[in-house]
PDB file of N, CA and C in Angstrom:
ATOM      1  N   VAL A   1       0.841  -1.168   0.000  1.00  0.00           N
ATOM      2  CA  VAL A   1       0.000   0.000   0.000  1.00  0.00           C
ATOM      3  C   VAL A   1       0.893   1.240   0.000  1.00  0.00           C
ATOM      4  N   LYS A   2       0.642   2.144  -0.937  1.00  0.00           N
ATOM      5  CA  LYS A   2       1.414   3.374  -1.009  1.00  0.00           C
ATOM      6  C   LYS A   2       0.606   4.591  -0.587  1.00  0.00           C
ATOM      7  N   LYS A   3      -0.704   4.522  -0.798  1.00  0.00           N
ATOM      8  CA  LYS A   3      -1.587   5.632  -0.454  1.00  0.00           C
ATOM      9  C   LYS A   3      -2.688   5.129   0.462  1.00  0.00           C
ATOM     10  N   LEU A   4      -2.997   5.927   1.481  1.00  0.00           N
ATOM     11  CA  LEU A   4      -4.046   5.555   2.421  1.00  0.00           C
ATOM     12  C   LEU A   4      -4.899   6.773   2.730  1.00  0.00           C
ATOM     13  N   ASN A   5      -6.210   6.618   2.600  1.00  0.00           N
ATOM     14  CA  ASN A   5      -7.146   7.689   2.910  1.00  0.00           C
ATOM     15  C   ASN A   5      -8.006   7.235   4.083  1.00  0.00           C
ATOM     16  N   MET A   6      -7.798   7.860   5.244  1.00  0.00           N
ATOM     17  CA  MET A   6      -8.559   7.539   6.451  1.00  0.00           C
ATOM     18  C   MET A   6      -9.432   8.723   6.871  1.00  0.00           C
ATOM     19  N   MET A   7      -9.690   9.644   5.958  1.00  0.00           N
ATOM     20  CA  MET A   7     -10.418  10.867   6.280  1.00  0.00           C
ATOM     21  C   MET A   7     -11.694  10.574   7.055  1.00  0.00           C
ATOM     22  N   SER A   8     -11.847  11.316   8.162  1.00  0.00           N
ATOM     23  CA  SER A   8     -13.041  11.272   9.014  1.00  0.00           C
ATOM     24  C   SER A   8     -13.242   9.950   9.750  1.00  0.00           C
ATOM     25  N   ILE A   9     -12.211   9.136   9.816  1.00  0.00           N
ATOM     26  CA  ILE A   9     -12.263   7.899  10.605  1.00  0.00           C
ATOM     27  C   ILE A   9     -11.440   8.146  11.871  1.00  0.00           C
ATOM     28  N   SER A  10     -12.054   8.039  13.017  1.00  0.00           N
ATOM     29  CA  SER A  10     -11.349   8.331  14.257  1.00  0.00           C
ATOM     30  C   SER A  10     -10.237   7.308  14.508  1.00  0.00           C
ATOM     31  N   LEU A  11      -9.042   7.816  14.669  1.00  0.00           N
ATOM     32  CA  LEU A  11      -7.885   6.974  14.991  1.00  0.00           C
ATOM     33  C   LEU A  11      -7.455   7.161  16.443  1.00  0.00           C
ATOM     34  N   ALA A  12      -8.285   7.843  17.223  1.00  0.00           N
ATOM     35  CA  ALA A  12      -7.948   8.194  18.603  1.00  0.00           C
ATOM     36  C   ALA A  12      -7.571   6.986  19.459  1.00  0.00           C
ATOM     37  N   SER A  13      -8.152   5.842  19.200  1.00  0.00           N
ATOM     38  CA  SER A  13      -7.885   4.667  20.040  1.00  0.00           C
ATOM     39  C   SER A  13      -6.747   3.792  19.518  1.00  0.00           C
ATOM     40  N   VAL A  14      -6.159   4.136  18.392  1.00  0.00           N
ATOM     41  CA  VAL A  14      -5.063   3.342  17.823  1.00  0.00           C
ATOM     42  C   VAL A  14      -3.756   3.763  18.498  1.00  0.00           C
ATOM     43  N   PRO A  15      -2.956   2.810  18.958  1.00  0.00           N
ATOM     44  CA  PRO A  15      -1.690   3.163  19.606  1.00  0.00           C
ATOM     45  C   PRO A  15      -0.816   4.056  18.722  1.00  0.00           C
ATOM     46  N   ALA A  16      -0.202   5.043  19.336  1.00  0.00           N
ATOM     47  CA  ALA A  16       0.592   6.036  18.618  1.00  0.00           C
ATOM     48  C   ALA A  16       1.692   5.408  17.761  1.00  0.00           C
ATOM     49  N   ALA A  17       2.388   4.433  18.301  1.00  0.00           N
ATOM     50  CA  ALA A  17       3.486   3.801  17.561  1.00  0.00           C
ATOM     51  C   ALA A  17       2.987   3.107  16.298  1.00  0.00           C
ATOM     52  N   LYS A  18       1.804   2.497  16.364  1.00  0.00           N
ATOM     53  CA  LYS A  18       1.247   1.825  15.190  1.00  0.00           C
ATOM     54  C   LYS A  18       0.837   2.832  14.119  1.00  0.00           C
ATOM     55  N   VAL A  19       0.228   3.917  14.556  1.00  0.00           N
ATOM     56  CA  VAL A  19      -0.161   4.962  13.604  1.00  0.00           C
ATOM     57  C   VAL A  19       1.086   5.488  12.899  1.00  0.00           C
ATOM     58  N   ALA A  20       2.086   5.844  13.677  1.00  0.00           N
ATOM     59  CA  ALA A  20       3.300   6.437  13.116  1.00  0.00           C
ATOM     60  C   ALA A  20       4.017   5.491  12.165  1.00  0.00           C
ATOM     61  N   LYS A  21       4.211   4.258  12.583  1.00  0.00           N
ATOM     62  CA  LYS A  21       4.924   3.295  11.738  1.00  0.00           C
ATOM     63  C   LYS A  21       4.178   3.062  10.425  1.00  0.00           C
ATOM     64  N   SER A  22       2.862   2.985  10.501  1.00  0.00           N
ATOM     65  CA  SER A  22       2.049   2.794   9.301  1.00  0.00           C
ATOM     66  C   SER A  22       2.143   3.987   8.368  1.00  0.00           C
ATOM     67  N   VAL A  23       2.055   5.181   8.925  1.00  0.00           N
ATOM     68  CA  VAL A  23       2.016   6.401   8.123  1.00  0.00           C
ATOM     69  C   VAL A  23       3.336   6.664   7.407  1.00  0.00           C
ATOM     70  N   VAL A  24       4.455   6.579   8.104  1.00  0.00           N
ATOM     71  CA  VAL A  24       5.728   6.924   7.468  1.00  0.00           C
ATOM     72  C   VAL A  24       6.158   5.898   6.422  1.00  0.00           C
ATOM     73  N   GLY A  25       5.577   4.714   6.442  1.00  0.00           N
ATOM     74  CA  GLY A  25       5.870   3.704   5.426  1.00  0.00           C
ATOM     75  C   GLY A  25       5.087   3.896   4.139  1.00  0.00           C
ATOM     76  N   LEU A  26       4.140   4.824   4.158  1.00  0.00           N
ATOM     77  CA  LEU A  26       3.343   5.137   2.969  1.00  0.00           C
ATOM     78  C   LEU A  26       4.026   6.223   2.146  1.00  0.00           C
ATOM     79  N   VAL A  27       3.510   6.461   0.952  1.00  0.00           N
ATOM     80  CA  VAL A  27       3.937   7.590   0.143  1.00  0.00           C
ATOM     81  C   VAL A  27       3.001   8.771   0.405  1.00  0.00           C
ATOM     82  N   GLU A  28       1.697   8.495   0.491  1.00  0.00           N
ATOM     83  CA  GLU A  28       0.703   9.528   0.768  1.00  0.00           C
ATOM     84  C   GLU A  28      -0.246   9.069   1.863  1.00  0.00           C
ATOM     85  N   ALA A  29      -0.512   9.962   2.816  1.00  0.00           N
ATOM     86  CA  ALA A  29      -1.439   9.656   3.905  1.00  0.00           C
ATOM     87  C   ALA A  29      -2.436  10.792   4.076  1.00  0.00           C
ATOM     88  N   GLU A  30      -3.694  10.455   3.961  1.00  0.00           N
ATOM     89  CA  GLU A  30      -4.788  11.405   4.178  1.00  0.00           C
ATOM     90  C   GLU A  30      -5.374  11.105   5.544  1.00  0.00           C
ATOM     91  N   LEU A  31      -5.008  11.949   6.531  1.00  0.00           N
ATOM     92  CA  LEU A  31      -5.447  11.740   7.907  1.00  0.00           C
ATOM     93  C   LEU A  31      -6.306  12.900   8.396  1.00  0.00           C
ATOM     94  N   SER A  32      -6.991  13.551   7.489  1.00  0.00           N
ATOM     95  CA  SER A  32      -7.833  14.691   7.855  1.00  0.00           C
ATOM     96  C   SER A  32      -9.013  14.245   8.708  1.00  0.00           C
ATOM     97  N   TYR A  33      -9.293  15.040   9.743  1.00  0.00           N
ATOM     98  CA  TYR A  33     -10.428  14.803  10.646  1.00  0.00           C
ATOM     99  C   TYR A  33     -10.405  13.402  11.275  1.00  0.00           C
ATOM    100  N   THR A  34      -9.224  12.960  11.658  1.00  0.00           N
ATOM    101  CA  THR A  34      -9.086  11.623  12.253  1.00  0.00           C
ATOM    102  C   THR A  34      -8.934  11.657  13.767  1.00  0.00           C
ATOM    103  N   HIS A  35      -9.019  12.828  14.356  1.00  0.00           N
ATOM    104  CA  HIS A  35      -8.950  12.987  15.821  1.00  0.00           C
ATOM    105  C   HIS A  35      -7.650  12.447  16.399  1.00  0.00           C
ATOM    106  N   LEU A  36      -6.541  12.754  15.749  1.00  0.00           N
ATOM    107  CA  LEU A  36      -5.241  12.310  16.244  1.00  0.00           C
ATOM    108  C   LEU A  36      -4.919  12.958  17.582  1.00  0.00           C
ATOM    109  N   SER A  37      -4.354  12.182  18.478  1.00  0.00           N
ATOM    110  CA  SER A  37      -3.920  12.715  19.774  1.00  0.00           C
ATOM    111  C   SER A  37      -2.551  13.370  19.610  1.00  0.00           C
ATOM    112  N   SER A  38      -2.185  14.152  20.596  1.00  0.00           N
ATOM    113  CA  SER A  38      -0.871  14.783  20.594  1.00  0.00           C
ATOM    114  C   SER A  38       0.227  13.714  20.569  1.00  0.00           C
ATOM    115  N   GLU A  39       0.030  12.641  21.303  1.00  0.00           N
ATOM    116  CA  GLU A  39       1.009  11.544  21.321  1.00  0.00           C
ATOM    117  C   GLU A  39       1.166  10.925  19.934  1.00  0.00           C
ATOM    118  N   GLN A  40       0.068  10.731  19.227  1.00  0.00           N
ATOM    119  CA  GLN A  40       0.125  10.154  17.883  1.00  0.00           C
ATOM    120  C   GLN A  40       0.876  11.086  16.923  1.00  0.00           C
ATOM    121  N   VAL A  41       0.562  12.373  16.987  1.00  0.00           N
ATOM    122  CA  VAL A  41       1.230  13.341  16.113  1.00  0.00           C
ATOM    123  C   VAL A  41       2.718  13.400  16.435  1.00  0.00           C
ATOM    124  N   ASN A  42       3.064  13.447  17.722  1.00  0.00           N
ATOM    125  CA  ASN A  42       4.480  13.459  18.113  1.00  0.00           C
ATOM    126  C   ASN A  42       5.207  12.231  17.590  1.00  0.00           C
ATOM    127  N   CYS A  43       4.577  11.094  17.691  1.00  0.00           N
ATOM    128  CA  CYS A  43       5.180   9.840  17.235  1.00  0.00           C
ATOM    129  C   CYS A  43       5.390   9.857  15.714  1.00  0.00           C
ATOM    130  N   ILE A  44       4.433  10.397  14.981  1.00  0.00           N
ATOM    131  CA  ILE A  44       4.588  10.515  13.522  1.00  0.00           C
ATOM    132  C   ILE A  44       5.815  11.366  13.199  1.00  0.00           C
ATOM    133  N   PHE A  45       5.954  12.512  13.884  1.00  0.00           N
ATOM    134  CA  PHE A  45       7.079  13.394  13.598  1.00  0.00           C
ATOM    135  C   PHE A  45       8.410  12.803  14.040  1.00  0.00           C
ATOM    136  N   GLU A  46       8.418  12.019  15.101  1.00  0.00           N
ATOM    137  CA  GLU A  46       9.639  11.318  15.495  1.00  0.00           C
ATOM    138  C   GLU A  46      10.053  10.329  14.408  1.00  0.00           C
ATOM    139  N   GLN A  47       9.082   9.607  13.870  1.00  0.00           N
ATOM    140  CA  GLN A  47       9.362   8.643  12.799  1.00  0.00           C
ATOM    141  C   GLN A  47       9.822   9.342  11.519  1.00  0.00           C
ATOM    142  N   LEU A  48       9.264  10.520  11.235  1.00  0.00           N
ATOM    143  CA  LEU A  48       9.675  11.264  10.042  1.00  0.00           C
ATOM    144  C   LEU A  48      11.148  11.664  10.109  1.00  0.00           C
ATOM    145  N   SER A  49      11.674  11.831  11.307  1.00  0.00           N
ATOM    146  CA  SER A  49      13.076  12.216  11.442  1.00  0.00           C
ATOM    147  C   SER A  49      14.028  11.070  11.113  1.00  0.00           C
ATOM    148  N   ASP A  50      13.515   9.835  11.084  1.00  0.00           N
ATOM    149  CA  ASP A  50      14.330   8.670  10.726  1.00  0.00           C
ATOM    150  C   ASP A  50      14.288   8.493   9.207  1.00  0.00           C
ATOM    151  N   LYS A  51      15.292   9.001   8.543  1.00  0.00           N
ATOM    152  CA  LYS A  51      15.303   9.010   7.075  1.00  0.00           C
ATOM    153  C   LYS A  51      15.297   7.619   6.460  1.00  0.00           C
ATOM    154  N   LYS A  52      15.804   6.617   7.186  1.00  0.00           N
ATOM    155  CA  LYS A  52      15.834   5.252   6.645  1.00  0.00           C
ATOM    156  C   LYS A  52      14.429   4.666   6.523  1.00  0.00           C
ATOM    157  N   GLU A  53      13.584   4.994   7.467  1.00  0.00           N
ATOM    158  CA  GLU A  53      12.231   4.443   7.494  1.00  0.00           C
ATOM    159  C   GLU A  53      11.238   5.259   6.666  1.00  0.00           C
ATOM    160  N   ARG A  54      11.546   6.519   6.419  1.00  0.00           N
ATOM    161  CA  ARG A  54      10.586   7.442   5.822  1.00  0.00           C
ATOM    162  C   ARG A  54      10.446   7.264   4.312  1.00  0.00           C
ATOM    163  N   LYS A  55       9.208   7.043   3.876  1.00  0.00           N
ATOM    164  CA  LYS A  55       8.854   7.047   2.459  1.00  0.00           C
ATOM    165  C   LYS A  55       7.855   8.161   2.176  1.00  0.00           C
ATOM    166  N   LEU A  56       7.252   8.660   3.222  1.00  0.00           N
ATOM    167  CA  LEU A  56       6.156   9.605   3.131  1.00  0.00           C
ATOM    168  C   LEU A  56       6.572  10.907   2.453  1.00  0.00           C
ATOM    169  N   ILE A  57       5.787  11.322   1.446  1.00  0.00           N
ATOM    170  CA  ILE A  57       6.034  12.608   0.799  1.00  0.00           C
ATOM    171  C   ILE A  57       4.826  13.538   0.914  1.00  0.00           C
ATOM    172  N   CYS A  58       3.647  12.978   1.236  1.00  0.00           N
ATOM    173  CA  CYS A  58       2.442  13.800   1.344  1.00  0.00           C
ATOM    174  C   CYS A  58       1.650  13.394   2.584  1.00  0.00           C
ATOM    175  N   LEU A  59       1.388  14.374   3.456  1.00  0.00           N
ATOM    176  CA  LEU A  59       0.631  14.134   4.677  1.00  0.00           C
ATOM    177  C   LEU A  59      -0.382  15.250   4.857  1.00  0.00           C
ATOM    178  N   ASN A  60      -1.653  14.901   4.881  1.00  0.00           N
ATOM    179  CA  ASN A  60      -2.719  15.872   5.105  1.00  0.00           C
ATOM    180  C   ASN A  60      -3.319  15.639   6.484  1.00  0.00           C
ATOM    181  N   LEU A  61      -3.343  16.706   7.273  1.00  0.00           N
ATOM    182  CA  LEU A  61      -3.841  16.614   8.645  1.00  0.00           C
ATOM    183  C   LEU A  61      -4.989  17.592   8.891  1.00  0.00           C
ATOM    184  N   ILE A  62      -5.733  17.939   7.873  1.00  0.00           N
ATOM    185  CA  ILE A  62      -6.821  18.911   7.987  1.00  0.00           C
ATOM    186  C   ILE A  62      -7.727  18.539   9.165  1.00  0.00           C
ATOM    187  N   GLY A  63      -8.053  19.553   9.975  1.00  0.00           N
ATOM    188  CA  GLY A  63      -9.011  19.361  11.054  1.00  0.00           C
ATOM    189  C   GLY A  63      -8.487  18.689  12.306  1.00  0.00           C
ATOM    190  N   ASN A  64      -7.228  18.314  12.342  1.00  0.00           N
ATOM    191  CA  ASN A  64      -6.617  17.774  13.568  1.00  0.00           C
ATOM    192  C   ASN A  64      -5.994  18.934  14.335  1.00  0.00           C
ATOM    193  N   ASN A  65      -6.163  18.944  15.635  1.00  0.00           N
ATOM    194  CA  ASN A  65      -5.667  20.038  16.458  1.00  0.00           C
ATOM    195  C   ASN A  65      -4.171  19.862  16.731  1.00  0.00           C
ATOM    196  N   LEU A  66      -3.360  20.731  16.132  1.00  0.00           N
ATOM    197  CA  LEU A  66      -1.905  20.672  16.298  1.00  0.00           C
ATOM    198  C   LEU A  66      -1.381  21.775  17.217  1.00  0.00           C
ATOM    199  N   ARG A  67      -2.261  22.496  17.861  1.00  0.00           N
ATOM    200  CA  ARG A  67      -1.895  23.659  18.669  1.00  0.00           C
ATOM    201  C   ARG A  67      -0.878  23.325  19.757  1.00  0.00           C
ATOM    202  N   THR A  68      -0.933  22.145  20.343  1.00  0.00           N
ATOM    203  CA  THR A  68      -0.042  21.813  21.461  1.00  0.00           C
ATOM    204  C   THR A  68       1.286  21.186  21.019  1.00  0.00           C
ATOM    205  N   GLU A  69       1.467  21.020  19.733  1.00  0.00           N
ATOM    206  CA  GLU A  69       2.689  20.373  19.245  1.00  0.00           C
ATOM    207  C   GLU A  69       3.869  21.348  19.271  1.00  0.00           C
ATOM    208  N   SER A  70       5.045  20.828  19.479  1.00  0.00           N
ATOM    209  CA  SER A  70       6.256  21.645  19.479  1.00  0.00           C
ATOM    210  C   SER A  70       6.429  22.319  18.121  1.00  0.00           C
ATOM    211  N   PRO A  71       6.621  23.640  18.115  1.00  0.00           N
ATOM    212  CA  PRO A  71       6.817  24.334  16.839  1.00  0.00           C
ATOM    213  C   PRO A  71       7.981  23.768  16.037  1.00  0.00           C
ATOM    214  N   TYR A  72       9.057  23.400  16.720  1.00  0.00           N
ATOM    215  CA  TYR A  72      10.246  22.935  16.016  1.00  0.00           C
ATOM    216  C   TYR A  72      10.090  21.504  15.504  1.00  0.00           C
ATOM    217  N   ALA A  73       9.382  20.660  16.245  1.00  0.00           N
ATOM    218  CA  ALA A  73       9.106  19.303  15.761  1.00  0.00           C
ATOM    219  C   ALA A  73       8.200  19.364  14.531  1.00  0.00           C
ATOM    220  N   LEU A  74       7.175  20.215  14.578  1.00  0.00           N
ATOM    221  CA  LEU A  74       6.298  20.381  13.419  1.00  0.00           C
ATOM    222  C   LEU A  74       7.079  20.900  12.221  1.00  0.00           C
ATOM    223  N   ALA A  75       7.894  21.909  12.453  1.00  0.00           N
ATOM    224  CA  ALA A  75       8.657  22.514  11.362  1.00  0.00           C
ATOM    225  C   ALA A  75       9.573  21.494  10.690  1.00  0.00           C
ATOM    226  N   GLU A  76      10.284  20.750  11.493  1.00  0.00           N
ATOM    227  CA  GLU A  76      11.204  19.743  10.944  1.00  0.00           C
ATOM    228  C   GLU A  76      10.440  18.648  10.210  1.00  0.00           C
ATOM    229  N   GLY A  77       9.362  18.165  10.821  1.00  0.00           N
ATOM    230  CA  GLY A  77       8.576  17.099  10.206  1.00  0.00           C
ATOM    231  C   GLY A  77       7.937  17.509   8.899  1.00  0.00           C
ATOM    232  N   PHE A  78       7.266  18.646   8.896  1.00  0.00           N
ATOM    233  CA  PHE A  78       6.585  19.088   7.675  1.00  0.00           C
ATOM    234  C   PHE A  78       7.562  19.443   6.570  1.00  0.00           C
ATOM    235  N   ASN A  79       8.715  19.966   6.918  1.00  0.00           N
ATOM    236  CA  ASN A  79       9.696  20.309   5.901  1.00  0.00           C
ATOM    237  C   ASN A  79      10.409  19.093   5.321  1.00  0.00           C
ATOM    238  N   SER A  80      10.183  17.927   5.890  1.00  0.00           N
ATOM    239  CA  SER A  80      10.746  16.698   5.319  1.00  0.00           C
ATOM    240  C   SER A  80       9.805  16.107   4.260  1.00  0.00           C
ATOM    241  N   LEU A  81       8.625  16.694   4.125  1.00  0.00           N
ATOM    242  CA  LEU A  81       7.633  16.238   3.147  1.00  0.00           C
ATOM    243  C   LEU A  81       7.698  17.080   1.882  1.00  0.00           C
ATOM    244  N   GLU A  82       7.025  16.619   0.826  1.00  0.00           N
ATOM    245  CA  GLU A  82       6.902  17.418  -0.392  1.00  0.00           C
ATOM    246  C   GLU A  82       5.584  18.186  -0.427  1.00  0.00           C
ATOM    247  N   ARG A  83       4.529  17.597   0.161  1.00  0.00           N
ATOM    248  CA  ARG A  83       3.211  18.235   0.145  1.00  0.00           C
ATOM    249  C   ARG A  83       2.508  18.019   1.477  1.00  0.00           C
ATOM    250  N   THR A  84       1.802  19.063   1.930  1.00  0.00           N
ATOM    251  CA  THR A  84       1.016  18.938   3.143  1.00  0.00           C
ATOM    252  C   THR A  84      -0.119  19.942   3.131  1.00  0.00           C
ATOM    253  N   ASN A  85      -1.163  19.619   3.882  1.00  0.00           N
ATOM    254  CA  ASN A  85      -2.292  20.532   4.040  1.00  0.00           C
ATOM    255  C   ASN A  85      -2.554  20.673   5.530  1.00  0.00           C
ATOM    256  N   LEU A  86      -2.406  21.905   6.024  1.00  0.00           N
ATOM    257  CA  LEU A  86      -2.557  22.194   7.449  1.00  0.00           C
ATOM    258  C   LEU A  86      -3.797  23.044   7.715  1.00  0.00           C
ATOM    259  N   THR A  87      -4.755  22.974   6.826  1.00  0.00           N
ATOM    260  CA  THR A  87      -5.980  23.747   6.986  1.00  0.00           C
ATOM    261  C   THR A  87      -6.711  23.333   8.259  1.00  0.00           C
ATOM    262  N   ASP A  88      -7.164  24.328   9.004  1.00  0.00           N
ATOM    263  CA  ASP A  88      -7.971  24.113  10.209  1.00  0.00           C
ATOM    264  C   ASP A  88      -7.291  23.212  11.241  1.00  0.00           C
ATOM    265  N   THR A  89      -5.977  23.370  11.384  1.00  0.00           N
ATOM    266  CA  THR A  89      -5.230  22.575  12.374  1.00  0.00           C
ATOM    267  C   THR A  89      -4.948  23.372  13.640  1.00  0.00           C
ATOM    268  N   ARG A  90      -5.406  24.613  13.676  1.00  0.00           N
ATOM    269  CA  ARG A  90      -5.260  25.501  14.832  1.00  0.00           C
ATOM    270  C   ARG A  90      -3.806  25.828  15.166  1.00  0.00           C
ATOM    271  N   ILE A  91      -2.927  25.724  14.170  1.00  0.00           N
ATOM    272  CA  ILE A  91      -1.541  26.102  14.436  1.00  0.00           C
ATOM    273  C   ILE A  91      -1.480  27.599  14.723  1.00  0.00           C
ATOM    274  N   ASP A  92      -0.513  27.975  15.559  1.00  0.00           N
ATOM    275  CA  ASP A  92      -0.421  29.375  15.973  1.00  0.00           C
ATOM    276  C   ASP A  92       0.767  30.065  15.307  1.00  0.00           C
ATOM    277  N   GLY A  93       0.939  31.324  15.625  1.00  0.00           N
ATOM    278  CA  GLY A  93       1.994  32.127  15.020  1.00  0.00           C
ATOM    279  C   GLY A  93       3.391  31.587  15.252  1.00  0.00           C
ATOM    280  N   GLU A  94       3.657  31.107  16.469  1.00  0.00           N
ATOM    281  CA  GLU A  94       4.981  30.555  16.779  1.00  0.00           C
ATOM    282  C   GLU A  94       5.275  29.307  15.932  1.00  0.00           C
ATOM    283  N   GLN A  95       4.271  28.461  15.742  1.00  0.00           N
ATOM    284  CA  GLN A  95       4.437  27.260  14.921  1.00  0.00           C
ATOM    285  C   GLN A  95       4.675  27.618  13.459  1.00  0.00           C
ATOM    286  N   VAL A  96       3.917  28.582  12.955  1.00  0.00           N
ATOM    287  CA  VAL A  96       4.095  29.016  11.560  1.00  0.00           C
ATOM    288  C   VAL A  96       5.469  29.648  11.374  1.00  0.00           C
ATOM    289  N   ARG A  97       5.889  30.468  12.328  1.00  0.00           N
ATOM    290  CA  ARG A  97       7.207  31.093  12.255  1.00  0.00           C
ATOM    291  C   ARG A  97       8.305  30.028  12.190  1.00  0.00           C
ATOM    292  N   ALA A  98       8.220  29.007  13.041  1.00  0.00           N
ATOM    293  CA  ALA A  98       9.216  27.923  13.029  1.00  0.00           C
ATOM    294  C   ALA A  98       9.185  27.178  11.699  1.00  0.00           C
ATOM    295  N   LEU A  99       7.993  26.939  11.180  1.00  0.00           N
ATOM    296  CA  LEU A  99       7.840  26.259   9.891  1.00  0.00           C
ATOM    297  C   LEU A  99       8.514  27.052   8.777  1.00  0.00           C
ATOM    298  N   LEU A 100       8.281  28.358   8.741  1.00  0.00           N
ATOM    299  CA  LEU A 100       8.867  29.207   7.707  1.00  0.00           C
ATOM    300  C   LEU A 100      10.378  29.337   7.868  1.00  0.00           C
ATOM    301  N   GLU A 101      10.860  29.438   9.098  1.00  0.00           N
ATOM    302  CA  GLU A 101      12.305  29.512   9.319  1.00  0.00           C
ATOM    303  C   GLU A 101      13.004  28.243   8.841  1.00  0.00           C
ATOM    304  N   GLU A 102      12.388  27.095   9.108  1.00  0.00           N
ATOM    305  CA  GLU A 102      12.969  25.823   8.647  1.00  0.00           C
ATOM    306  C   GLU A 102      12.920  25.734   7.123  1.00  0.00           C
ATOM    307  N   MET A 103      11.875  26.288   6.519  1.00  0.00           N
ATOM    308  CA  MET A 103      11.771  26.289   5.052  1.00  0.00           C
ATOM    309  C   MET A 103      12.940  27.038   4.426  1.00  0.00           C
ATOM    310  N   VAL A 104      13.357  28.117   5.055  1.00  0.00           N
ATOM    311  CA  VAL A 104      14.477  28.906   4.544  1.00  0.00           C
ATOM    312  C   VAL A 104      15.778  28.103   4.639  1.00  0.00           C
ATOM    313  N   ARG A 105      15.945  27.355   5.728  1.00  0.00           N
ATOM    314  CA  ARG A 105      17.174  26.584   5.953  1.00  0.00           C
ATOM    315  C   ARG A 105      17.226  25.291   5.148  1.00  0.00           C
ATOM    316  N   ASN A 106      16.125  24.521   5.218  1.00  0.00           N
ATOM    317  CA  ASN A 106      16.170  23.175   4.639  1.00  0.00           C
ATOM    318  C   ASN A 106      14.754  22.661   4.446  1.00  0.00           C
ATOM    319  N   THR A 107      14.346  22.475   3.210  1.00  0.00           N
ATOM    320  CA  THR A 107      13.002  21.959   2.981  1.00  0.00           C
ATOM    321  C   THR A 107      12.932  21.117   1.730  1.00  0.00           C
ATOM    322  N   LYS A 108      11.990  20.187   1.750  1.00  0.00           N
ATOM    323  CA  LYS A 108      11.624  19.420   0.566  1.00  0.00           C
ATOM    324  C   LYS A 108      10.240  19.838   0.086  1.00  0.00           C
ATOM    325  N   LEU A 109       9.591  20.705   0.870  1.00  0.00           N
ATOM    326  CA  LEU A 109       8.224  21.119   0.553  1.00  0.00           C
ATOM    327  C   LEU A 109       8.135  21.780  -0.811  1.00  0.00           C
ATOM    328  N   ARG A 110       7.136  21.331  -1.565  1.00  0.00           N
ATOM    329  CA  ARG A 110       6.818  21.929  -2.858  1.00  0.00           C
ATOM    330  C   ARG A 110       5.440  22.578  -2.814  1.00  0.00           C
ATOM    331  N   LYS A 111       4.599  22.071  -1.912  1.00  0.00           N
ATOM    332  CA  LYS A 111       3.239  22.597  -1.800  1.00  0.00           C
ATOM    333  C   LYS A 111       2.776  22.487  -0.355  1.00  0.00           C
ATOM    334  N   ILE A 112       2.293  23.607   0.180  1.00  0.00           N
ATOM    335  CA  ILE A 112       1.751  23.630   1.523  1.00  0.00           C
ATOM    336  C   ILE A 112       0.500  24.502   1.501  1.00  0.00           C
ATOM    337  N   LYS A 113      -0.509  24.033   2.184  1.00  0.00           N
ATOM    338  CA  LYS A 113      -1.757  24.798   2.250  1.00  0.00           C
ATOM    339  C   LYS A 113      -2.123  24.993   3.717  1.00  0.00           C
ATOM    340  N   MET A 114      -2.394  26.254   4.086  1.00  0.00           N
ATOM    341  CA  MET A 114      -2.799  26.586   5.452  1.00  0.00           C
ATOM    342  C   MET A 114      -3.966  27.576   5.366  1.00  0.00           C
ATOM    343  N   GLU A 115      -5.112  27.146   5.758  1.00  0.00           N
ATOM    344  CA  GLU A 115      -6.277  28.034   5.820  1.00  0.00           C
ATOM    345  C   GLU A 115      -6.920  27.870   7.183  1.00  0.00           C
ATOM    346  N   PHE A 116      -7.601  28.906   7.635  1.00  0.00           N
ATOM    347  CA  PHE A 116      -8.335  28.886   8.893  1.00  0.00           C
ATOM    348  C   PHE A 116      -7.428  28.591  10.085  1.00  0.00           C
ATOM    349  N   SER A 117      -6.301  29.287  10.130  1.00  0.00           N
ATOM    350  CA  SER A 117      -5.375  29.142  11.256  1.00  0.00           C
ATOM    351  C   SER A 117      -5.304  30.448  12.016  1.00  0.00           C
ATOM    352  N   ASP A 118      -5.036  30.371  13.311  1.00  0.00           N
ATOM    353  CA  ASP A 118      -4.925  31.556  14.169  1.00  0.00           C
ATOM    354  C   ASP A 118      -3.512  32.088  14.167  1.00  0.00           C
ATOM    355  N   VAL A 119      -3.143  32.706  13.084  1.00  0.00           N
ATOM    356  CA  VAL A 119      -1.771  33.201  12.949  1.00  0.00           C
ATOM    357  C   VAL A 119      -1.742  34.694  13.216  1.00  0.00           C
TER     358      VAL A 119
END
């Protein structure tokens, strides 16, 4: 499996390590409105930092609350992708600033979409 669309399916009860391992082994993951926990999101970004395991180039997290995530972990993780959609993820100004600063230093991003954020 290279592409997985789980949009609007709650993954809240799935162990974080399983979610992360599954996601980073894909090429594209649609996880919009999946009610990811902070632990699950953190685990995904930890796995993204392991370049040997990472195949993921597109990750959509529309509608998942990322407000409590570390700005620098988000910045590093998202900049390791080619495409992402962060619409309605409640990211704040500090997170966006870290994301943009990392983009200037080192990015693979070709397309990013952010709408309805409190920046």
